Amino acid sequence: MGSDKHPNDTPETPMLIPGKVEDFVNKYIAPTWNGVAKKMPVFSVVKHTGRTSGKAYETPVSSFRKGDVLAIGLMHGKTNWAKNVLAAGEADVKLPKGKVVHITNPRIVAVGSNAPDLPKPARAMLKRSAVFAADIV
């Protein structure tokens, strides 16, 4: 008998959204919503390359910055955009006001961690979810 555990749900990156809801959103809502969200001034857009396909992707996210550290909550667990950036070791991110920054040293800060270098909203997220963090260069 197979496991019902979603592939994005790992011990260090627990999903706060049920897997079936996540799959429904990715299949039916995200294709339309992502196009709109990328144009909204409140979202950042992670520009990344598929690990196996080599295809270019743009994923809207809510990001937080503290100095040269960019943080993104992983409420959806270890998603494909995070896996792609971790594999590449770098990415470009368009910030809410349109500035594009280059990030390196991507890492996952596990749920429950103490990470004083992260922005305050990201530290608050660590109580329930993991956080993706990277250095802005």
C-alpha atoms as a PDB file:
ATOM      1  CA  MET A   1       0.000   0.000   0.000  1.00  0.00           C
ATOM      2  CA  GLY A   2       1.441   3.405  -1.030  1.00  0.00           C
ATOM      3  CA  SER A   3       1.992   6.372   1.222  1.00  0.00           C
ATOM      4  CA  ASP A   4      -0.431   9.314   1.209  1.00  0.00           C
ATOM      5  CA  LYS A   5       2.422  11.653   2.088  1.00  0.00           C
ATOM      6  CA  HIS A   6       2.903  14.465  -0.432  1.00  0.00           C
ATOM      7  CA  PRO A   7       6.440  14.724  -1.910  1.00  0.00           C
ATOM      8  CA  ASN A   8       6.703  18.371  -0.779  1.00  0.00           C
ATOM      9  CA  ASP A   9       6.038  17.366   2.850  1.00  0.00           C
ATOM     10  CA  THR A  10       9.329  16.564   4.570  1.00  0.00           C
ATOM     11  CA  PRO A  11      10.288  16.619   8.264  1.00  0.00           C
ATOM     12  CA  GLU A  12      12.235  19.873   7.830  1.00  0.00           C
ATOM     13  CA  THR A  13       9.626  21.422   5.477  1.00  0.00           C
ATOM     14  CA  PRO A  14       6.143  20.411   6.647  1.00  0.00           C
ATOM     15  CA  MET A  15       3.244  21.423   4.416  1.00  0.00           C
ATOM     16  CA  LEU A  16       0.602  23.598   6.081  1.00  0.00           C
ATOM     17  CA  ILE A  17      -1.741  22.988   3.160  1.00  0.00           C
ATOM     18  CA  PRO A  18      -3.149  19.478   2.677  1.00  0.00           C
ATOM     19  CA  GLY A  19      -1.559  17.631  -0.262  1.00  0.00           C
ATOM     20  CA  LYS A  20      -4.826  17.171  -2.159  1.00  0.00           C
ATOM     21  CA  VAL A  21      -5.525  20.900  -1.920  1.00  0.00           C
ATOM     22  CA  GLU A  22      -1.961  21.651  -3.070  1.00  0.00           C
ATOM     23  CA  ASP A  23      -2.345  19.384  -6.104  1.00  0.00           C
ATOM     24  CA  PHE A  24      -5.736  20.934  -6.993  1.00  0.00           C
ATOM     25  CA  VAL A  25      -4.326  24.465  -6.746  1.00  0.00           C
ATOM     26  CA  ASN A  26      -1.285  23.569  -8.864  1.00  0.00           C
ATOM     27  CA  LYS A  27      -3.399  21.946 -11.556  1.00  0.00           C
ATOM     28  CA  TYR A  28      -6.378  24.301 -11.808  1.00  0.00           C
ATOM     29  CA  ILE A  29      -5.708  27.619 -10.086  1.00  0.00           C
ATOM     30  CA  ALA A  30      -1.969  28.337 -10.332  1.00  0.00           C
ATOM     31  CA  PRO A  31      -1.777  28.437 -14.148  1.00  0.00           C
ATOM     32  CA  THR A  32      -4.103  31.468 -14.196  1.00  0.00           C
ATOM     33  CA  TRP A  33      -3.284  32.999 -10.839  1.00  0.00           C
ATOM     34  CA  ASN A  34       0.493  32.955 -11.325  1.00  0.00           C
ATOM     35  CA  GLY A  35       0.220  35.138 -14.435  1.00  0.00           C
ATOM     36  CA  VAL A  36      -1.800  37.712 -12.512  1.00  0.00           C
ATOM     37  CA  ALA A  37       0.306  37.518  -9.342  1.00  0.00           C
ATOM     38  CA  LYS A  38       3.555  38.127 -11.251  1.00  0.00           C
ATOM     39  CA  LYS A  39       2.184  41.550 -12.221  1.00  0.00           C
ATOM     40  CA  MET A  40       1.004  42.501  -8.718  1.00  0.00           C
ATOM     41  CA  PRO A  41       3.366  44.854  -6.867  1.00  0.00           C
ATOM     42  CA  VAL A  42       3.161  42.939  -3.567  1.00  0.00           C
ATOM     43  CA  PHE A  43       4.776  39.729  -4.821  1.00  0.00           C
ATOM     44  CA  SER A  44       8.350  38.835  -5.613  1.00  0.00           C
ATOM     45  CA  VAL A  45       9.007  36.576  -8.609  1.00  0.00           C
ATOM     46  CA  VAL A  46      11.613  33.810  -8.399  1.00  0.00           C
ATOM     47  CA  LYS A  47      13.155  33.163 -11.815  1.00  0.00           C
ATOM     48  CA  HIS A  48      14.480  29.590 -11.863  1.00  0.00           C
ATOM     49  CA  THR A  49      15.336  26.722 -14.204  1.00  0.00           C
ATOM     50  CA  GLY A  50      13.817  23.238 -14.076  1.00  0.00           C
ATOM     51  CA  ARG A  51      16.166  20.624 -12.641  1.00  0.00           C
ATOM     52  CA  THR A  52      15.516  18.070 -15.390  1.00  0.00           C
ATOM     53  CA  SER A  53      13.665  19.994 -18.097  1.00  0.00           C
ATOM     54  CA  GLY A  54      16.006  22.991 -18.248  1.00  0.00           C
ATOM     55  CA  LYS A  55      12.870  25.089 -18.821  1.00  0.00           C
ATOM     56  CA  ALA A  56      12.756  28.651 -17.436  1.00  0.00           C
ATOM     57  CA  TYR A  57      10.071  29.305 -14.809  1.00  0.00           C
ATOM     58  CA  GLU A  58       8.824  32.340 -12.904  1.00  0.00           C
ATOM     59  CA  THR A  59       7.060  31.729  -9.600  1.00  0.00           C
ATOM     60  CA  PRO A  60       5.365  34.481  -7.554  1.00  0.00           C
ATOM     61  CA  VAL A  61       6.129  34.368  -3.821  1.00  0.00           C
ATOM     62  CA  SER A  62       5.939  36.571  -0.733  1.00  0.00           C
ATOM     63  CA  SER A  63       9.469  37.468   0.281  1.00  0.00           C
ATOM     64  CA  PHE A  64      11.053  39.323   3.159  1.00  0.00           C
ATOM     65  CA  ARG A  65      14.433  41.013   3.202  1.00  0.00           C
ATOM     66  CA  LYS A  66      16.847  41.863   5.993  1.00  0.00           C
ATOM     67  CA  GLY A  67      20.050  43.412   4.696  1.00  0.00           C
ATOM     68  CA  ASP A  68      21.529  40.950   2.222  1.00  0.00           C
ATOM     69  CA  VAL A  69      19.291  38.012   3.228  1.00  0.00           C
ATOM     70  CA  LEU A  70      16.105  37.165   1.348  1.00  0.00           C
ATOM     71  CA  ALA A  71      13.598  34.855   3.035  1.00  0.00           C
ATOM     72  CA  ILE A  72      10.481  33.110   1.697  1.00  0.00           C
ATOM     73  CA  GLY A  73       8.077  31.061   3.809  1.00  0.00           C
ATOM     74  CA  LEU A  74       7.552  27.460   2.712  1.00  0.00           C
ATOM     75  CA  MET A  75       3.921  26.927   3.730  1.00  0.00           C
ATOM     76  CA  HIS A  76       3.579  24.638   0.722  1.00  0.00           C
ATOM     77  CA  GLY A  77       6.543  22.527   1.823  1.00  0.00           C
ATOM     78  CA  LYS A  78       9.612  21.948  -0.333  1.00  0.00           C
ATOM     79  CA  THR A  79       8.115  23.047  -3.645  1.00  0.00           C
ATOM     80  CA  ASN A  80       9.580  22.672  -7.122  1.00  0.00           C
ATOM     81  CA  TRP A  81      10.803  26.274  -7.298  1.00  0.00           C
ATOM     82  CA  ALA A  82      12.723  25.770  -4.025  1.00  0.00           C
ATOM     83  CA  LYS A  83      14.157  22.438  -5.231  1.00  0.00           C
ATOM     84  CA  ASN A  84      15.208  24.073  -8.510  1.00  0.00           C
ATOM     85  CA  VAL A  85      16.989  26.983  -6.815  1.00  0.00           C
ATOM     86  CA  LEU A  86      18.668  24.669  -4.293  1.00  0.00           C
ATOM     87  CA  ALA A  87      19.927  22.462  -7.155  1.00  0.00           C
ATOM     88  CA  ALA A  88      21.190  25.438  -9.194  1.00  0.00           C
ATOM     89  CA  GLY A  89      22.701  27.210  -6.198  1.00  0.00           C
ATOM     90  CA  GLU A  90      21.462  30.568  -7.452  1.00  0.00           C
ATOM     91  CA  ALA A  91      18.567  32.446  -9.038  1.00  0.00           C
ATOM     92  CA  ASP A  92      17.285  35.893  -9.873  1.00  0.00           C
ATOM     93  CA  VAL A  93      14.381  37.371  -7.925  1.00  0.00           C
ATOM     94  CA  LYS A  94      12.292  40.352  -8.968  1.00  0.00           C
ATOM     95  CA  LEU A  95      11.357  42.189  -5.769  1.00  0.00           C
ATOM     96  CA  PRO A  96       7.945  43.860  -5.280  1.00  0.00           C
ATOM     97  CA  LYS A  97       9.088  47.282  -6.507  1.00  0.00           C
ATOM     98  CA  GLY A  98      10.639  45.788  -9.658  1.00  0.00           C
ATOM     99  CA  LYS A  99      14.298  45.602  -8.661  1.00  0.00           C
ATOM    100  CA  VAL A 100      15.937  42.314  -9.719  1.00  0.00           C
ATOM    101  CA  VAL A 101      18.462  40.786  -7.326  1.00  0.00           C
ATOM    102  CA  HIS A 102      20.694  37.748  -7.706  1.00  0.00           C
ATOM    103  CA  ILE A 103      20.630  35.220  -4.862  1.00  0.00           C
ATOM    104  CA  THR A 104      23.207  32.600  -3.940  1.00  0.00           C
ATOM    105  CA  ASN A 105      23.792  30.183  -1.068  1.00  0.00           C
ATOM    106  CA  PRO A 106      20.157  29.003  -1.008  1.00  0.00           C
ATOM    107  CA  ARG A 107      19.192  26.989   2.050  1.00  0.00           C
ATOM    108  CA  ILE A 108      16.231  25.655   3.942  1.00  0.00           C
ATOM    109  CA  VAL A 109      15.839  26.794   7.528  1.00  0.00           C
ATOM    110  CA  ALA A 110      13.905  23.974   9.199  1.00  0.00           C
ATOM    111  CA  VAL A 111      10.691  24.542  11.093  1.00  0.00           C
ATOM    112  CA  GLY A 112      11.384  25.305  14.748  1.00  0.00           C
ATOM    113  CA  SER A 113      14.860  26.705  14.065  1.00  0.00           C
ATOM    114  CA  ASN A 114      16.293  29.810  15.671  1.00  0.00           C
ATOM    115  CA  ALA A 115      17.563  32.060  12.880  1.00  0.00           C
ATOM    116  CA  PRO A 116      18.314  35.592  14.102  1.00  0.00           C
ATOM    117  CA  ASP A 117      19.732  36.594  10.683  1.00  0.00           C
ATOM    118  CA  LEU A 118      16.296  36.231   9.058  1.00  0.00           C
ATOM    119  CA  PRO A 119      13.765  39.074   8.758  1.00  0.00           C
ATOM    120  CA  LYS A 120      11.274  39.226  11.637  1.00  0.00           C
ATOM    121  CA  PRO A 121       8.256  37.945   9.603  1.00  0.00           C
ATOM    122  CA  ALA A 122      10.305  34.931   8.449  1.00  0.00           C
ATOM    123  CA  ARG A 123      11.404  34.159  12.017  1.00  0.00           C
ATOM    124  CA  ALA A 124       7.744  34.189  13.043  1.00  0.00           C
ATOM    125  CA  MET A 125       6.948  31.684  10.252  1.00  0.00           C
ATOM    126  CA  LEU A 126       9.515  29.250  11.656  1.00  0.00           C
ATOM    127  CA  LYS A 127       7.085  28.379  14.452  1.00  0.00           C
ATOM    128  CA  ARG A 128       4.916  26.476  11.941  1.00  0.00           C
ATOM    129  CA  SER A 129       6.766  26.211   8.630  1.00  0.00           C
ATOM    130  CA  ALA A 130      10.218  26.090   7.140  1.00  0.00           C
ATOM    131  CA  VAL A 131      11.764  29.108   5.445  1.00  0.00           C
ATOM    132  CA  PHE A 132      13.814  29.320   2.266  1.00  0.00           C
ATOM    133  CA  ALA A 133      16.719  31.731   2.728  1.00  0.00           C
ATOM    134  CA  ALA A 134      19.418  32.989   0.385  1.00  0.00           C
ATOM    135  CA  ASP A 135      22.082  35.661   0.226  1.00  0.00           C
ATOM    136  CA  ILE A 136      21.633  38.647  -2.069  1.00  0.00           C
ATOM    137  CA  VAL A 137      24.816  39.415  -3.999  1.00  0.00           C
END
